[in-house]
Amino acid sequence: MKEIFSGQKVTTKEIKEFTEALSLYGCNSMTFITTSTFTDRA
């Protein structure tokens, strides 16, 4: 999984890939904590 450093924009695709990766390990819910800036589409 890609590590995203502070100050970078997080895309919708990256959020989707992150949540899909968690679901593969049986995580049905999560808390998403970030210091990154979301793009306009996210």
PDB file of N, CA and C in Angstrom:
ATOM      1  N   MET A   1       0.842  -1.175   0.000  1.00  0.00           N
ATOM      2  CA  MET A   1       0.000   0.000   0.000  1.00  0.00           C
ATOM      3  C   MET A   1       0.890   1.241   0.000  1.00  0.00           C
ATOM      4  N   LYS A   2       0.478   2.229  -0.707  1.00  0.00           N
ATOM      5  CA  LYS A   2       1.249   3.461  -0.851  1.00  0.00           C
ATOM      6  C   LYS A   2       1.179   4.301   0.418  1.00  0.00           C
ATOM      7  N   GLU A   3       2.330   4.760   0.862  1.00  0.00           N
ATOM      8  CA  GLU A   3       2.356   5.680   1.996  1.00  0.00           C
ATOM      9  C   GLU A   3       2.189   7.096   1.470  1.00  0.00           C
ATOM     10  N   ILE A   4       1.302   7.827   2.067  1.00  0.00           N
ATOM     11  CA  ILE A   4       1.041   9.191   1.631  1.00  0.00           C
ATOM     12  C   ILE A   4       1.619  10.136   2.681  1.00  0.00           C
ATOM     13  N   PHE A   5       2.488  11.013   2.252  1.00  0.00           N
ATOM     14  CA  PHE A   5       3.152  11.934   3.167  1.00  0.00           C
ATOM     15  C   PHE A   5       2.322  13.189   3.371  1.00  0.00           C
ATOM     16  N   SER A   6       2.486  13.788   4.513  1.00  0.00           N
ATOM     17  CA  SER A   6       1.757  15.005   4.852  1.00  0.00           C
ATOM     18  C   SER A   6       1.992  16.089   3.812  1.00  0.00           C
ATOM     19  N   GLY A   7       0.925  16.774   3.459  1.00  0.00           N
ATOM     20  CA  GLY A   7       1.021  17.850   2.488  1.00  0.00           C
ATOM     21  C   GLY A   7       0.645  17.439   1.082  1.00  0.00           C
ATOM     22  N   GLN A   8       0.553  16.130   0.831  1.00  0.00           N
ATOM     23  CA  GLN A   8       0.164  15.674  -0.495  1.00  0.00           C
ATOM     24  C   GLN A   8      -1.352  15.589  -0.580  1.00  0.00           C
ATOM     25  N   LYS A   9      -1.867  15.715  -1.782  1.00  0.00           N
ATOM     26  CA  LYS A   9      -3.307  15.587  -2.005  1.00  0.00           C
ATOM     27  C   LYS A   9      -3.679  14.106  -2.080  1.00  0.00           C
ATOM     28  N   VAL A  10      -4.816  13.753  -1.509  1.00  0.00           N
ATOM     29  CA  VAL A  10      -5.321  12.388  -1.522  1.00  0.00           C
ATOM     30  C   VAL A  10      -6.450  12.333  -2.538  1.00  0.00           C
ATOM     31  N   THR A  11      -6.325  11.432  -3.506  1.00  0.00           N
ATOM     32  CA  THR A  11      -7.333  11.331  -4.558  1.00  0.00           C
ATOM     33  C   THR A  11      -8.446  10.364  -4.165  1.00  0.00           C
ATOM     34  N   THR A  12      -9.561  10.462  -4.868  1.00  0.00           N
ATOM     35  CA  THR A  12     -10.670   9.539  -4.652  1.00  0.00           C
ATOM     36  C   THR A  12     -10.217   8.105  -4.875  1.00  0.00           C
ATOM     37  N   LYS A  13      -9.412   7.874  -5.900  1.00  0.00           N
ATOM     38  CA  LYS A  13      -8.918   6.533  -6.208  1.00  0.00           C
ATOM     39  C   LYS A  13      -8.097   5.972  -5.050  1.00  0.00           C
ATOM     40  N   GLU A  14      -7.255   6.794  -4.441  1.00  0.00           N
ATOM     41  CA  GLU A  14      -6.430   6.328  -3.324  1.00  0.00           C
ATOM     42  C   GLU A  14      -7.276   5.977  -2.106  1.00  0.00           C
ATOM     43  N   ILE A  15      -8.322   6.758  -1.849  1.00  0.00           N
ATOM     44  CA  ILE A  15      -9.220   6.438  -0.739  1.00  0.00           C
ATOM     45  C   ILE A  15      -9.931   5.119  -1.007  1.00  0.00           C
ATOM     46  N   LYS A  16     -10.404   4.925  -2.233  1.00  0.00           N
ATOM     47  CA  LYS A  16     -11.096   3.683  -2.605  1.00  0.00           C
ATOM     48  C   LYS A  16     -10.169   2.484  -2.475  1.00  0.00           C
ATOM     49  N   GLU A  17      -8.939   2.601  -2.962  1.00  0.00           N
ATOM     50  CA  GLU A  17      -7.978   1.505  -2.862  1.00  0.00           C
ATOM     51  C   GLU A  17      -7.676   1.170  -1.405  1.00  0.00           C
ATOM     52  N   PHE A  18      -7.581   2.181  -0.559  1.00  0.00           N
ATOM     53  CA  PHE A  18      -7.303   1.978   0.855  1.00  0.00           C
ATOM     54  C   PHE A  18      -8.435   1.206   1.530  1.00  0.00           C
ATOM     55  N   THR A  19      -9.686   1.622   1.278  1.00  0.00           N
ATOM     56  CA  THR A  19     -10.821   0.947   1.901  1.00  0.00           C
ATOM     57  C   THR A  19     -11.003  -0.463   1.355  1.00  0.00           C
ATOM     58  N   GLU A  20     -10.727  -0.673   0.073  1.00  0.00           N
ATOM     59  CA  GLU A  20     -10.812  -2.020  -0.498  1.00  0.00           C
ATOM     60  C   GLU A  20      -9.753  -2.932   0.105  1.00  0.00           C
ATOM     61  N   ALA A  21      -8.560  -2.412   0.333  1.00  0.00           N
ATOM     62  CA  ALA A  21      -7.497  -3.209   0.946  1.00  0.00           C
ATOM     63  C   ALA A  21      -7.888  -3.615   2.363  1.00  0.00           C
ATOM     64  N   LEU A  22      -8.518  -2.725   3.112  1.00  0.00           N
ATOM     65  CA  LEU A  22      -8.960  -3.068   4.460  1.00  0.00           C
ATOM     66  C   LEU A  22     -10.025  -4.154   4.432  1.00  0.00           C
ATOM     67  N   SER A  23     -10.940  -4.086   3.465  1.00  0.00           N
ATOM     68  CA  SER A  23     -12.012  -5.074   3.402  1.00  0.00           C
ATOM     69  C   SER A  23     -11.475  -6.468   3.084  1.00  0.00           C
ATOM     70  N   LEU A  24     -10.349  -6.543   2.381  1.00  0.00           N
ATOM     71  CA  LEU A  24      -9.732  -7.843   2.104  1.00  0.00           C
ATOM     72  C   LEU A  24      -9.289  -8.534   3.387  1.00  0.00           C
ATOM     73  N   TYR A  25      -8.978  -7.752   4.405  1.00  0.00           N
ATOM     74  CA  TYR A  25      -8.540  -8.294   5.685  1.00  0.00           C
ATOM     75  C   TYR A  25      -9.686  -8.402   6.683  1.00  0.00           C
ATOM     76  N   GLY A  26     -10.916  -8.219   6.228  1.00  0.00           N
ATOM     77  CA  GLY A  26     -12.080  -8.408   7.076  1.00  0.00           C
ATOM     78  C   GLY A  26     -12.498  -7.188   7.873  1.00  0.00           C
ATOM     79  N   CYS A  27     -11.964  -6.036   7.563  1.00  0.00           N
ATOM     80  CA  CYS A  27     -12.367  -4.807   8.249  1.00  0.00           C
ATOM     81  C   CYS A  27     -13.628  -4.271   7.585  1.00  0.00           C
ATOM     82  N   ASN A  28     -14.718  -4.257   8.319  1.00  0.00           N
ATOM     83  CA  ASN A  28     -15.972  -3.761   7.764  1.00  0.00           C
ATOM     84  C   ASN A  28     -16.224  -2.297   8.091  1.00  0.00           C
ATOM     85  N   SER A  29     -15.466  -1.768   9.019  1.00  0.00           N
ATOM     86  CA  SER A  29     -15.597  -0.349   9.357  1.00  0.00           C
ATOM     87  C   SER A  29     -14.214   0.180   9.683  1.00  0.00           C
ATOM     88  N   MET A  30     -14.075   1.491   9.606  1.00  0.00           N
ATOM     89  CA  MET A  30     -12.761   2.050   9.873  1.00  0.00           C
ATOM     90  C   MET A  30     -12.889   3.493  10.321  1.00  0.00           C
ATOM     91  N   THR A  31     -11.829   3.983  10.904  1.00  0.00           N
ATOM     92  CA  THR A  31     -11.688   5.398  11.203  1.00  0.00           C
ATOM     93  C   THR A  31     -10.566   5.907  10.327  1.00  0.00           C
ATOM     94  N   PHE A  32     -10.856   6.914   9.529  1.00  0.00           N
ATOM     95  CA  PHE A  32      -9.877   7.446   8.587  1.00  0.00           C
ATOM     96  C   PHE A  32      -9.342   8.754   9.146  1.00  0.00           C
ATOM     97  N   ILE A  33      -8.082   8.736   9.560  1.00  0.00           N
ATOM     98  CA  ILE A  33      -7.449   9.925  10.121  1.00  0.00           C
ATOM     99  C   ILE A  33      -6.375  10.379   9.153  1.00  0.00           C
ATOM    100  N   THR A  34      -6.395  11.643   8.809  1.00  0.00           N
ATOM    101  CA  THR A  34      -5.412  12.150   7.862  1.00  0.00           C
ATOM    102  C   THR A  34      -5.044  13.587   8.179  1.00  0.00           C
ATOM    103  N   THR A  35      -3.827  13.913   7.822  1.00  0.00           N
ATOM    104  CA  THR A  35      -3.402  15.313   7.867  1.00  0.00           C
ATOM    105  C   THR A  35      -3.200  15.810   6.446  1.00  0.00           C
ATOM    106  N   SER A  36      -3.557  14.955   5.472  1.00  0.00           N
ATOM    107  CA  SER A  36      -3.396  15.308   4.067  1.00  0.00           C
ATOM    108  C   SER A  36      -4.541  16.196   3.605  1.00  0.00           C
ATOM    109  N   THR A  37      -4.348  16.838   2.496  1.00  0.00           N
ATOM    110  CA  THR A  37      -5.374  17.676   1.885  1.00  0.00           C
ATOM    111  C   THR A  37      -6.091  16.868   0.814  1.00  0.00           C
ATOM    112  N   PHE A  38      -7.416  16.833   0.874  1.00  0.00           N
ATOM    113  CA  PHE A  38      -8.179  16.110  -0.128  1.00  0.00           C
ATOM    114  C   PHE A  38      -8.285  16.941  -1.400  1.00  0.00           C
ATOM    115  N   THR A  39      -8.292  16.254  -2.530  1.00  0.00           N
ATOM    116  CA  THR A  39      -8.523  16.952  -3.790  1.00  0.00           C
ATOM    117  C   THR A  39      -9.989  17.361  -3.854  1.00  0.00           C
ATOM    118  N   ASP A  40     -10.336  18.211  -4.795  1.00  0.00           N
ATOM    119  CA  ASP A  40     -11.717  18.665  -4.931  1.00  0.00           C
ATOM    120  C   ASP A  40     -12.680  17.510  -5.176  1.00  0.00           C
ATOM    121  N   ARG A  41     -12.251  16.483  -5.922  1.00  0.00           N
ATOM    122  CA  ARG A  41     -13.129  15.351  -6.236  1.00  0.00           C
ATOM    123  C   ARG A  41     -13.301  14.420  -5.055  1.00  0.00           C
ATOM    124  N   ALA A  42     -12.319  14.335  -4.175  1.00  0.00           N
ATOM    125  CA  ALA A  42     -12.421  13.462  -3.001  1.00  0.00           C
ATOM    126  C   ALA A  42     -13.430  14.037  -2.025  1.00  0.00           C
TER     127      ALA A  42
END
